[in-house]
Amino acid sequence: MQLRNKKRPDYMVDITPLVDVVFLMLIFFMVSTSFKVASALKLELPTSHSQEQIQELDEVVVSINPDGQLFVQNEAVSDTDLRRRILNATKGDPNKRIVLRADANAKHKRVVLVLDVLREMGMGKVAISTVPATGER
């Protein structure tokens, strides 16, 4: 009886198909996920009984928080820099829709400042954001 010492071949696991499947799943989930654009600023908007629901995709949002800090497209700006930032966001288009989101507790002086800057710039489409009032008048 002859005993031969057979050498077993080394088995290798090919992980290439596994990596392909993982990448395909990653791409599928990235494409199928919907992202909700939410404002990072927490503002308590004033209420209104006569509110019109209009939302455009191509609008510039100017916000004022309760402390009076100004934001253009959720980025903080100073009073002196406000005009330049609005001009950059609108790309100089006077027909671009501007939405003013001022907190209900913001000082009226700050709202008037923003409206004055927009009027001086010739911005004709300005909307003030509110929330619907609940209850009777």
C-alpha atoms as a PDB file:
ATOM      1  CA  MET A   1       0.000   0.000   0.000  1.00  0.00           C
ATOM      2  CA  GLN A   2       1.385   3.181  -1.079  1.00  0.00           C
ATOM      3  CA  LEU A   3       0.429   6.308   0.709  1.00  0.00           C
ATOM      4  CA  ARG A   4       0.726   9.374  -1.269  1.00  0.00           C
ATOM      5  CA  ASN A   5       0.650  12.649   0.351  1.00  0.00           C
ATOM      6  CA  LYS A   6      -1.639  14.640  -1.863  1.00  0.00           C
ATOM      7  CA  LYS A   7      -1.317  18.289  -1.471  1.00  0.00           C
ATOM      8  CA  ARG A   8      -4.686  19.965  -1.133  1.00  0.00           C
ATOM      9  CA  PRO A   9      -5.185  22.991  -3.330  1.00  0.00           C
ATOM     10  CA  ASP A  10      -5.576  26.306  -1.582  1.00  0.00           C
ATOM     11  CA  TYR A  11      -9.146  27.479  -1.785  1.00  0.00           C
ATOM     12  CA  MET A  12      -9.677  31.186  -2.190  1.00  0.00           C
ATOM     13  CA  VAL A  13     -12.917  32.993  -1.762  1.00  0.00           C
ATOM     14  CA  ASP A  14     -13.480  35.504  -4.519  1.00  0.00           C
ATOM     15  CA  ILE A  15     -15.129  38.569  -2.991  1.00  0.00           C
ATOM     16  CA  THR A  16     -15.458  40.484  -6.253  1.00  0.00           C
ATOM     17  CA  PRO A  17     -19.155  39.580  -6.734  1.00  0.00           C
ATOM     18  CA  LEU A  18     -19.835  40.554  -3.119  1.00  0.00           C
ATOM     19  CA  VAL A  19     -18.249  43.966  -3.613  1.00  0.00           C
ATOM     20  CA  ASP A  20     -20.240  44.437  -6.831  1.00  0.00           C
ATOM     21  CA  VAL A  21     -23.503  43.660  -5.038  1.00  0.00           C
ATOM     22  CA  VAL A  22     -22.673  46.025  -2.175  1.00  0.00           C
ATOM     23  CA  PHE A  23     -21.903  48.860  -4.593  1.00  0.00           C
ATOM     24  CA  LEU A  24     -25.107  48.213  -6.541  1.00  0.00           C
ATOM     25  CA  MET A  25     -27.116  48.321  -3.303  1.00  0.00           C
ATOM     26  CA  LEU A  26     -25.377  51.558  -2.305  1.00  0.00           C
ATOM     27  CA  ILE A  27     -26.184  53.155  -5.650  1.00  0.00           C
ATOM     28  CA  PHE A  28     -29.795  51.936  -5.446  1.00  0.00           C
ATOM     29  CA  PHE A  29     -30.317  53.427  -1.994  1.00  0.00           C
ATOM     30  CA  MET A  30     -28.636  56.714  -2.936  1.00  0.00           C
ATOM     31  CA  VAL A  31     -30.844  57.118  -6.000  1.00  0.00           C
ATOM     32  CA  SER A  32     -34.092  56.024  -4.350  1.00  0.00           C
ATOM     33  CA  THR A  33     -33.706  58.128  -1.200  1.00  0.00           C
ATOM     34  CA  SER A  34     -35.578  61.391  -1.214  1.00  0.00           C
ATOM     35  CA  PHE A  35     -34.168  64.274   0.734  1.00  0.00           C
ATOM     36  CA  LYS A  36     -36.433  66.801   2.375  1.00  0.00           C
ATOM     37  CA  VAL A  37     -35.044  70.296   2.275  1.00  0.00           C
ATOM     38  CA  ALA A  38     -35.706  71.715   5.703  1.00  0.00           C
ATOM     39  CA  SER A  39     -34.711  75.038   7.056  1.00  0.00           C
ATOM     40  CA  ALA A  40     -31.990  74.885   9.661  1.00  0.00           C
ATOM     41  CA  LEU A  41     -33.384  77.979  11.345  1.00  0.00           C
ATOM     42  CA  LYS A  42     -36.091  77.492  13.937  1.00  0.00           C
ATOM     43  CA  LEU A  43     -38.415  80.428  13.434  1.00  0.00           C
ATOM     44  CA  GLU A  44     -41.862  81.061  14.862  1.00  0.00           C
ATOM     45  CA  LEU A  45     -43.527  82.657  11.864  1.00  0.00           C
ATOM     46  CA  PRO A  46     -46.424  85.073  12.337  1.00  0.00           C
ATOM     47  CA  THR A  47     -49.935  83.803  11.626  1.00  0.00           C
ATOM     48  CA  SER A  48     -52.215  85.049   8.886  1.00  0.00           C
ATOM     49  CA  HIS A  49     -55.873  84.417   8.012  1.00  0.00           C
ATOM     50  CA  SER A  50     -55.373  85.336   4.363  1.00  0.00           C
ATOM     51  CA  GLN A  51     -52.496  83.189   3.285  1.00  0.00           C
ATOM     52  CA  GLU A  52     -51.689  82.162  -0.268  1.00  0.00           C
ATOM     53  CA  GLN A  53     -49.743  78.938  -0.776  1.00  0.00           C
ATOM     54  CA  ILE A  54     -47.019  79.670  -3.312  1.00  0.00           C
ATOM     55  CA  GLN A  55     -43.705  77.931  -3.448  1.00  0.00           C
ATOM     56  CA  GLU A  56     -41.215  78.254  -6.250  1.00  0.00           C
ATOM     57  CA  LEU A  57     -38.151  76.127  -6.618  1.00  0.00           C
ATOM     58  CA  ASP A  58     -36.029  79.075  -7.633  1.00  0.00           C
ATOM     59  CA  GLU A  59     -36.516  81.509  -4.762  1.00  0.00           C
ATOM     60  CA  VAL A  60     -34.143  83.294  -2.423  1.00  0.00           C
ATOM     61  CA  VAL A  61     -35.002  83.079   1.277  1.00  0.00           C
ATOM     62  CA  VAL A  62     -34.035  85.925   3.611  1.00  0.00           C
ATOM     63  CA  SER A  63     -34.629  85.039   7.274  1.00  0.00           C
ATOM     64  CA  ILE A  64     -34.588  87.035  10.504  1.00  0.00           C
ATOM     65  CA  ASN A  65     -34.326  85.151  13.785  1.00  0.00           C
ATOM     66  CA  PRO A  66     -35.767  86.433  17.113  1.00  0.00           C
ATOM     67  CA  ASP A  67     -32.430  88.067  17.979  1.00  0.00           C
ATOM     68  CA  GLY A  68     -32.449  90.097  14.748  1.00  0.00           C
ATOM     69  CA  GLN A  69     -29.696  88.103  12.995  1.00  0.00           C
ATOM     70  CA  LEU A  70     -30.067  88.103   9.192  1.00  0.00           C
ATOM     71  CA  PHE A  71     -29.689  85.006   7.022  1.00  0.00           C
ATOM     72  CA  VAL A  72     -29.647  84.628   3.237  1.00  0.00           C
ATOM     73  CA  GLN A  73     -30.280  81.051   2.122  1.00  0.00           C
ATOM     74  CA  ASN A  74     -29.646  79.883   5.745  1.00  0.00           C
ATOM     75  CA  GLU A  75     -26.206  81.541   5.901  1.00  0.00           C
ATOM     76  CA  ALA A  76     -25.676  84.312   8.444  1.00  0.00           C
ATOM     77  CA  VAL A  77     -24.935  87.766   7.010  1.00  0.00           C
ATOM     78  CA  SER A  78     -24.196  91.167   8.477  1.00  0.00           C
ATOM     79  CA  ASP A  79     -26.240  94.288   7.773  1.00  0.00           C
ATOM     80  CA  THR A  80     -23.508  95.700   5.547  1.00  0.00           C
ATOM     81  CA  ASP A  81     -23.106  92.426   3.636  1.00  0.00           C
ATOM     82  CA  LEU A  82     -26.857  91.867   3.078  1.00  0.00           C
ATOM     83  CA  ARG A  83     -27.083  93.671  -0.269  1.00  0.00           C
ATOM     84  CA  ARG A  84     -24.101  91.813  -1.758  1.00  0.00           C
ATOM     85  CA  ARG A  85     -25.339  88.400  -0.598  1.00  0.00           C
ATOM     86  CA  ILE A  86     -28.827  88.982  -2.025  1.00  0.00           C
ATOM     87  CA  LEU A  87     -27.269  90.163  -5.289  1.00  0.00           C
ATOM     88  CA  ASN A  88     -25.149  86.990  -5.440  1.00  0.00           C
ATOM     89  CA  ALA A  89     -28.106  84.733  -4.627  1.00  0.00           C
ATOM     90  CA  THR A  90     -30.380  86.347  -7.231  1.00  0.00           C
ATOM     91  CA  LYS A  91     -27.585  86.669  -9.806  1.00  0.00           C
ATOM     92  CA  GLY A  92     -28.765  90.247 -10.379  1.00  0.00           C
ATOM     93  CA  ASP A  93     -32.219  89.189 -11.599  1.00  0.00           C
ATOM     94  CA  PRO A  94     -34.810  91.726 -10.290  1.00  0.00           C
ATOM     95  CA  ASN A  95     -37.643  89.293 -11.124  1.00  0.00           C
ATOM     96  CA  LYS A  96     -36.301  86.579  -8.838  1.00  0.00           C
ATOM     97  CA  ARG A  97     -38.764  85.775  -6.034  1.00  0.00           C
ATOM     98  CA  ILE A  98     -37.558  86.807  -2.558  1.00  0.00           C
ATOM     99  CA  VAL A  99     -39.228  85.193   0.479  1.00  0.00           C
ATOM    100  CA  LEU A 100     -38.854  87.042   3.787  1.00  0.00           C
ATOM    101  CA  ARG A 101     -39.110  84.664   6.749  1.00  0.00           C
ATOM    102  CA  ALA A 102     -39.102  86.834   9.860  1.00  0.00           C
ATOM    103  CA  ASP A 103     -39.702  85.355  13.302  1.00  0.00           C
ATOM    104  CA  ALA A 104     -42.866  86.615  14.981  1.00  0.00           C
ATOM    105  CA  ASN A 105     -40.716  87.988  17.818  1.00  0.00           C
ATOM    106  CA  ALA A 106     -38.219  89.757  15.541  1.00  0.00           C
ATOM    107  CA  LYS A 107     -38.164  93.527  15.788  1.00  0.00           C
ATOM    108  CA  HIS A 108     -40.129  95.374  13.165  1.00  0.00           C
ATOM    109  CA  LYS A 109     -37.066  97.553  12.565  1.00  0.00           C
ATOM    110  CA  ARG A 110     -35.159  94.550  11.167  1.00  0.00           C
ATOM    111  CA  VAL A 111     -38.008  93.625   8.801  1.00  0.00           C
ATOM    112  CA  VAL A 112     -38.172  97.204   7.510  1.00  0.00           C
ATOM    113  CA  LEU A 113     -34.384  97.205   6.996  1.00  0.00           C
ATOM    114  CA  VAL A 114     -34.599  94.130   4.762  1.00  0.00           C
ATOM    115  CA  LEU A 115     -37.597  95.495   2.849  1.00  0.00           C
ATOM    116  CA  ASP A 116     -35.760  98.801   2.284  1.00  0.00           C
ATOM    117  CA  VAL A 117     -32.690  97.009   0.950  1.00  0.00           C
ATOM    118  CA  LEU A 118     -34.866  94.934  -1.396  1.00  0.00           C
ATOM    119  CA  ARG A 119     -36.718  98.028  -2.638  1.00  0.00           C
ATOM    120  CA  GLU A 120     -33.446  99.906  -3.249  1.00  0.00           C
ATOM    121  CA  MET A 121     -32.183  96.908  -5.232  1.00  0.00           C
ATOM    122  CA  GLY A 122     -35.330  96.968  -7.382  1.00  0.00           C
ATOM    123  CA  MET A 123     -36.531  93.518  -6.328  1.00  0.00           C
ATOM    124  CA  GLY A 124     -40.190  93.429  -7.354  1.00  0.00           C
ATOM    125  CA  LYS A 125     -41.284  89.962  -6.238  1.00  0.00           C
ATOM    126  CA  VAL A 126     -41.141  89.939  -2.435  1.00  0.00           C
ATOM    127  CA  ALA A 127     -43.287  87.617  -0.298  1.00  0.00           C
ATOM    128  CA  ILE A 128     -43.568  87.472   3.483  1.00  0.00           C
ATOM    129  CA  SER A 129     -43.764  83.950   4.867  1.00  0.00           C
ATOM    130  CA  THR A 130     -46.474  83.217   7.458  1.00  0.00           C
ATOM    131  CA  VAL A 131     -48.281  80.194   8.898  1.00  0.00           C
ATOM    132  CA  PRO A 132     -52.041  79.705   8.670  1.00  0.00           C
ATOM    133  CA  ALA A 133     -53.997  81.026  11.648  1.00  0.00           C
ATOM    134  CA  THR A 134     -56.164  78.521  13.484  1.00  0.00           C
ATOM    135  CA  GLY A 135     -59.523  79.454  14.894  1.00  0.00           C
ATOM    136  CA  GLU A 136     -61.971  82.254  14.215  1.00  0.00           C
ATOM    137  CA  ARG A 137     -61.193  85.944  13.891  1.00  0.00           C
END
